[in-house]
Amino acid sequence: MNNHQLELAKQLYKEGYLFYCTCSTLPGLLQSMDLPTLKCYPPGQPEKFSAFLDKVVGLQK
């Protein structure tokens, strides 16, 4: 719970969606990062979430 942002950043880095760094590693990252290697994150599907909520609260069967 204390480092969930870092855990998320590390996972997204492993999956190729972003680069992450600390203040001390920023200069090296800026020199070495290869932006074209990053993948585009897939768009969200909010309609699936809203349909799930509707079903949970009984607005939809």
PDB file of N, CA and C in Angstrom:
ATOM      1  N   MET A   1       0.817  -1.190   0.000  1.00  0.00           N
ATOM      2  CA  MET A   1       0.000   0.000   0.000  1.00  0.00           C
ATOM      3  C   MET A   1       0.867   1.262   0.000  1.00  0.00           C
ATOM      4  N   ASN A   2       2.033   1.200   0.577  1.00  0.00           N
ATOM      5  CA  ASN A   2       2.873   2.385   0.669  1.00  0.00           C
ATOM      6  C   ASN A   2       3.580   2.728  -0.633  1.00  0.00           C
ATOM      7  N   ASN A   3       3.768   1.754  -1.498  1.00  0.00           N
ATOM      8  CA  ASN A   3       4.517   2.036  -2.727  1.00  0.00           C
ATOM      9  C   ASN A   3       3.765   1.587  -3.970  1.00  0.00           C
ATOM     10  N   HIS A   4       2.439   1.698  -3.964  1.00  0.00           N
ATOM     11  CA  HIS A   4       1.672   1.208  -5.100  1.00  0.00           C
ATOM     12  C   HIS A   4       1.987   1.948  -6.396  1.00  0.00           C
ATOM     13  N   GLN A   5       2.331   3.227  -6.315  1.00  0.00           N
ATOM     14  CA  GLN A   5       2.682   3.953  -7.531  1.00  0.00           C
ATOM     15  C   GLN A   5       3.951   3.381  -8.150  1.00  0.00           C
ATOM     16  N   LEU A   6       4.936   3.076  -7.316  1.00  0.00           N
ATOM     17  CA  LEU A   6       6.184   2.498  -7.810  1.00  0.00           C
ATOM     18  C   LEU A   6       5.947   1.104  -8.374  1.00  0.00           C
ATOM     19  N   GLU A   7       5.126   0.307  -7.702  1.00  0.00           N
ATOM     20  CA  GLU A   7       4.810  -1.027  -8.207  1.00  0.00           C
ATOM     21  C   GLU A   7       4.138  -0.948  -9.575  1.00  0.00           C
ATOM     22  N   LEU A   8       3.200  -0.016  -9.736  1.00  0.00           N
ATOM     23  CA  LEU A   8       2.525   0.160 -11.021  1.00  0.00           C
ATOM     24  C   LEU A   8       3.513   0.612 -12.088  1.00  0.00           C
ATOM     25  N   ALA A   9       4.374   1.566 -11.755  1.00  0.00           N
ATOM     26  CA  ALA A   9       5.367   2.045 -12.716  1.00  0.00           C
ATOM     27  C   ALA A   9       6.296   0.917 -13.154  1.00  0.00           C
ATOM     28  N   LYS A  10       6.732   0.101 -12.221  1.00  0.00           N
ATOM     29  CA  LYS A  10       7.621  -1.016 -12.568  1.00  0.00           C
ATOM     30  C   LYS A  10       6.927  -2.014 -13.478  1.00  0.00           C
ATOM     31  N   GLN A  11       5.662  -2.306 -13.202  1.00  0.00           N
ATOM     32  CA  GLN A  11       4.930  -3.262 -14.040  1.00  0.00           C
ATOM     33  C   GLN A  11       4.711  -2.701 -15.443  1.00  0.00           C
ATOM     34  N   LEU A  12       4.322  -1.430 -15.534  1.00  0.00           N
ATOM     35  CA  LEU A  12       4.113  -0.822 -16.849  1.00  0.00           C
ATOM     36  C   LEU A  12       5.422  -0.718 -17.623  1.00  0.00           C
ATOM     37  N   TYR A  13       6.529  -0.530 -16.915  1.00  0.00           N
ATOM     38  CA  TYR A  13       7.852  -0.540 -17.544  1.00  0.00           C
ATOM     39  C   TYR A  13       8.159  -1.933 -18.102  1.00  0.00           C
ATOM     40  N   LYS A  14       7.904  -2.969 -17.304  1.00  0.00           N
ATOM     41  CA  LYS A  14       8.151  -4.346 -17.750  1.00  0.00           C
ATOM     42  C   LYS A  14       7.336  -4.687 -18.990  1.00  0.00           C
ATOM     43  N   GLU A  15       6.125  -4.124 -19.072  1.00  0.00           N
ATOM     44  CA  GLU A  15       5.251  -4.402 -20.204  1.00  0.00           C
ATOM     45  C   GLU A  15       5.543  -3.501 -21.405  1.00  0.00           C
ATOM     46  N   GLY A  16       6.457  -2.539 -21.242  1.00  0.00           N
ATOM     47  CA  GLY A  16       6.877  -1.702 -22.361  1.00  0.00           C
ATOM     48  C   GLY A  16       6.057  -0.463 -22.611  1.00  0.00           C
ATOM     49  N   TYR A  17       5.281  -0.018 -21.604  1.00  0.00           N
ATOM     50  CA  TYR A  17       4.424   1.151 -21.796  1.00  0.00           C
ATOM     51  C   TYR A  17       5.040   2.459 -21.343  1.00  0.00           C
ATOM     52  N   LEU A  18       6.057   2.405 -20.485  1.00  0.00           N
ATOM     53  CA  LEU A  18       6.655   3.649 -20.003  1.00  0.00           C
ATOM     54  C   LEU A  18       8.058   3.409 -19.488  1.00  0.00           C
ATOM     55  N   PHE A  19       8.758   4.504 -19.259  1.00  0.00           N
ATOM     56  CA  PHE A  19      10.045   4.488 -18.572  1.00  0.00           C
ATOM     57  C   PHE A  19       9.793   5.088 -17.196  1.00  0.00           C
ATOM     58  N   TYR A  20      10.507   4.647 -16.218  1.00  0.00           N
ATOM     59  CA  TYR A  20      10.401   5.279 -14.899  1.00  0.00           C
ATOM     60  C   TYR A  20      11.802   5.452 -14.343  1.00  0.00           C
ATOM     61  N   CYS A  21      11.925   6.379 -13.421  1.00  0.00           N
ATOM     62  CA  CYS A  21      13.231   6.654 -12.833  1.00  0.00           C
ATOM     63  C   CYS A  21      13.055   7.307 -11.475  1.00  0.00           C
ATOM     64  N   THR A  22      14.161   7.463 -10.802  1.00  0.00           N
ATOM     65  CA  THR A  22      14.211   8.239  -9.571  1.00  0.00           C
ATOM     66  C   THR A  22      14.951   9.525  -9.902  1.00  0.00           C
ATOM     67  N   CYS A  23      15.016  10.429  -8.964  1.00  0.00           N
ATOM     68  CA  CYS A  23      15.744  11.681  -9.214  1.00  0.00           C
ATOM     69  C   CYS A  23      17.198  11.400  -9.580  1.00  0.00           C
ATOM     70  N   SER A  24      17.791  10.414  -8.921  1.00  0.00           N
ATOM     71  CA  SER A  24      19.206  10.131  -9.180  1.00  0.00           C
ATOM     72  C   SER A  24      19.444   9.425 -10.510  1.00  0.00           C
ATOM     73  N   THR A  25      18.443   8.730 -11.053  1.00  0.00           N
ATOM     74  CA  THR A  25      18.640   8.028 -12.330  1.00  0.00           C
ATOM     75  C   THR A  25      18.076   8.789 -13.523  1.00  0.00           C
ATOM     76  N   LEU A  26      17.456   9.941 -13.277  1.00  0.00           N
ATOM     77  CA  LEU A  26      16.866  10.727 -14.363  1.00  0.00           C
ATOM     78  C   LEU A  26      17.863  11.126 -15.445  1.00  0.00           C
ATOM     79  N   PRO A  27      19.031  11.675 -15.115  1.00  0.00           N
ATOM     80  CA  PRO A  27      19.957  12.072 -16.191  1.00  0.00           C
ATOM     81  C   PRO A  27      20.345  10.899 -17.103  1.00  0.00           C
ATOM     82  N   GLY A  28      20.613   9.739 -16.516  1.00  0.00           N
ATOM     83  CA  GLY A  28      20.966   8.576 -17.331  1.00  0.00           C
ATOM     84  C   GLY A  28      19.818   8.112 -18.203  1.00  0.00           C
ATOM     85  N   LEU A  29      18.607   8.134 -17.659  1.00  0.00           N
ATOM     86  CA  LEU A  29      17.438   7.732 -18.427  1.00  0.00           C
ATOM     87  C   LEU A  29      17.220   8.666 -19.613  1.00  0.00           C
ATOM     88  N   LEU A  30      17.349   9.968 -19.376  1.00  0.00           N
ATOM     89  CA  LEU A  30      17.154  10.929 -20.461  1.00  0.00           C
ATOM     90  C   LEU A  30      18.161  10.720 -21.593  1.00  0.00           C
ATOM     91  N   GLN A  31      19.350  10.263 -21.264  1.00  0.00           N
ATOM     92  CA  GLN A  31      20.364  10.020 -22.290  1.00  0.00           C
ATOM     93  C   GLN A  31      20.154   8.697 -23.014  1.00  0.00           C
ATOM     94  N   SER A  32      19.556   7.722 -22.347  1.00  0.00           N
ATOM     95  CA  SER A  32      19.505   6.387 -22.937  1.00  0.00           C
ATOM     96  C   SER A  32      18.134   5.941 -23.435  1.00  0.00           C
ATOM     97  N   MET A  33      17.071   6.643 -23.068  1.00  0.00           N
ATOM     98  CA  MET A  33      15.749   6.124 -23.428  1.00  0.00           C
ATOM     99  C   MET A  33      15.511   6.179 -24.936  1.00  0.00           C
ATOM    100  N   ASP A  34      14.805   5.171 -25.412  1.00  0.00           N
ATOM    101  CA  ASP A  34      14.491   5.043 -26.834  1.00  0.00           C
ATOM    102  C   ASP A  34      12.971   5.089 -26.962  1.00  0.00           C
ATOM    103  N   LEU A  35      12.436   6.278 -27.167  1.00  0.00           N
ATOM    104  CA  LEU A  35      10.983   6.470 -27.152  1.00  0.00           C
ATOM    105  C   LEU A  35      10.221   5.591 -28.144  1.00  0.00           C
ATOM    106  N   PRO A  36      10.737   5.349 -29.349  1.00  0.00           N
ATOM    107  CA  PRO A  36       9.974   4.494 -30.278  1.00  0.00           C
ATOM    108  C   PRO A  36       9.766   3.054 -29.787  1.00  0.00           C
ATOM    109  N   THR A  37      10.491   2.631 -28.765  1.00  0.00           N
ATOM    110  CA  THR A  37      10.304   1.265 -28.265  1.00  0.00           C
ATOM    111  C   THR A  37       9.074   1.133 -27.374  1.00  0.00           C
ATOM    112  N   LEU A  38       8.518   2.257 -26.945  1.00  0.00           N
ATOM    113  CA  LEU A  38       7.344   2.206 -26.074  1.00  0.00           C
ATOM    114  C   LEU A  38       6.103   1.780 -26.850  1.00  0.00           C
ATOM    115  N   LYS A  39       5.259   0.989 -26.201  1.00  0.00           N
ATOM    116  CA  LYS A  39       3.984   0.577 -26.782  1.00  0.00           C
ATOM    117  C   LYS A  39       2.912   1.603 -26.403  1.00  0.00           C
ATOM    118  N   CYS A  40       1.910   1.737 -27.246  1.00  0.00           N
ATOM    119  CA  CYS A  40       0.750   2.566 -26.916  1.00  0.00           C
ATOM    120  C   CYS A  40      -0.138   1.779 -25.972  1.00  0.00           C
ATOM    121  N   TYR A  41      -0.614   2.446 -24.931  1.00  0.00           N
ATOM    122  CA  TYR A  41      -1.496   1.780 -23.983  1.00  0.00           C
ATOM    123  C   TYR A  41      -2.868   1.648 -24.625  1.00  0.00           C
ATOM    124  N   PRO A  42      -3.492   0.473 -24.532  1.00  0.00           N
ATOM    125  CA  PRO A  42      -4.801   0.293 -25.175  1.00  0.00           C
ATOM    126  C   PRO A  42      -5.850   1.215 -24.560  1.00  0.00           C
ATOM    127  N   PRO A  43      -6.775   1.688 -25.374  1.00  0.00           N
ATOM    128  CA  PRO A  43      -7.814   2.577 -24.839  1.00  0.00           C
ATOM    129  C   PRO A  43      -8.711   1.839 -23.847  1.00  0.00           C
ATOM    130  N   GLY A  44      -9.253   2.597 -22.930  1.00  0.00           N
ATOM    131  CA  GLY A  44     -10.155   2.017 -21.938  1.00  0.00           C
ATOM    132  C   GLY A  44     -11.486   1.630 -22.550  1.00  0.00           C
ATOM    133  N   GLN A  45     -12.252   0.875 -21.789  1.00  0.00           N
ATOM    134  CA  GLN A  45     -13.593   0.471 -22.220  1.00  0.00           C
ATOM    135  C   GLN A  45     -14.568   0.778 -21.086  1.00  0.00           C
ATOM    136  N   PRO A  46     -14.857   2.065 -20.886  1.00  0.00           N
ATOM    137  CA  PRO A  46     -15.696   2.457 -19.744  1.00  0.00           C
ATOM    138  C   PRO A  46     -17.099   1.867 -19.800  1.00  0.00           C
ATOM    139  N   GLU A  47     -17.569   1.530 -20.984  1.00  0.00           N
ATOM    140  CA  GLU A  47     -18.913   0.960 -21.088  1.00  0.00           C
ATOM    141  C   GLU A  47     -18.994  -0.403 -20.384  1.00  0.00           C
ATOM    142  N   LYS A  48     -17.912  -1.149 -20.381  1.00  0.00           N
ATOM    143  CA  LYS A  48     -17.905  -2.434 -19.678  1.00  0.00           C
ATOM    144  C   LYS A  48     -17.996  -2.218 -18.168  1.00  0.00           C
ATOM    145  N   PHE A  49     -17.281  -1.226 -17.662  1.00  0.00           N
ATOM    146  CA  PHE A  49     -17.318  -0.942 -16.232  1.00  0.00           C
ATOM    147  C   PHE A  49     -18.702  -0.446 -15.815  1.00  0.00           C
ATOM    148  N   SER A  50     -19.279   0.440 -16.607  1.00  0.00           N
ATOM    149  CA  SER A  50     -20.603   0.964 -16.238  1.00  0.00           C
ATOM    150  C   SER A  50     -21.657  -0.140 -16.319  1.00  0.00           C
ATOM    151  N   ALA A  51     -21.550  -1.055 -17.277  1.00  0.00           N
ATOM    152  CA  ALA A  51     -22.489  -2.177 -17.352  1.00  0.00           C
ATOM    153  C   ALA A  51     -22.343  -3.085 -16.131  1.00  0.00           C
ATOM    154  N   PHE A  52     -21.106  -3.296 -15.698  1.00  0.00           N
ATOM    155  CA  PHE A  52     -20.860  -4.090 -14.494  1.00  0.00           C
ATOM    156  C   PHE A  52     -21.512  -3.436 -13.273  1.00  0.00           C
ATOM    157  N   LEU A  53     -21.312  -2.124 -13.125  1.00  0.00           N
ATOM    158  CA  LEU A  53     -21.920  -1.419 -11.990  1.00  0.00           C
ATOM    159  C   LEU A  53     -23.436  -1.475 -12.034  1.00  0.00           C
ATOM    160  N   ASP A  54     -23.992  -1.288 -13.221  1.00  0.00           N
ATOM    161  CA  ASP A  54     -25.455  -1.364 -13.361  1.00  0.00           C
ATOM    162  C   ASP A  54     -25.965  -2.719 -12.898  1.00  0.00           C
ATOM    163  N   LYS A  55     -25.241  -3.775 -13.257  1.00  0.00           N
ATOM    164  CA  LYS A  55     -25.655  -5.121 -12.875  1.00  0.00           C
ATOM    165  C   LYS A  55     -25.528  -5.321 -11.365  1.00  0.00           C
ATOM    166  N   VAL A  56     -24.448  -4.827 -10.776  1.00  0.00           N
ATOM    167  CA  VAL A  56     -24.216  -4.992  -9.343  1.00  0.00           C
ATOM    168  C   VAL A  56     -25.284  -4.285  -8.510  1.00  0.00           C
ATOM    169  N   VAL A  57     -25.680  -3.096  -8.926  1.00  0.00           N
ATOM    170  CA  VAL A  57     -26.665  -2.342  -8.134  1.00  0.00           C
ATOM    171  C   VAL A  57     -28.100  -2.662  -8.534  1.00  0.00           C
ATOM    172  N   GLY A  58     -28.270  -3.578  -9.490  1.00  0.00           N
ATOM    173  CA  GLY A  58     -29.610  -4.037  -9.842  1.00  0.00           C
ATOM    174  C   GLY A  58     -30.336  -3.233 -10.882  1.00  0.00           C
ATOM    175  N   LEU A  59     -29.642  -2.394 -11.621  1.00  0.00           N
ATOM    176  CA  LEU A  59     -30.290  -1.605 -12.672  1.00  0.00           C
ATOM    177  C   LEU A  59     -30.387  -2.383 -13.980  1.00  0.00           C
ATOM    178  N   GLN A  60     -29.673  -3.485 -14.061  1.00  0.00           N
ATOM    179  CA  GLN A  60     -29.637  -4.275 -15.285  1.00  0.00           C
ATOM    180  C   GLN A  60     -29.547  -5.751 -14.917  1.00  0.00           C
ATOM    181  N   LYS A  61     -30.176  -6.605 -15.694  1.00  0.00           N
ATOM    182  CA  LYS A  61     -30.109  -8.045 -15.411  1.00  0.00           C
ATOM    183  C   LYS A  61     -29.179  -8.750 -16.353  1.00  0.00           C
TER     184      LYS A  61
END
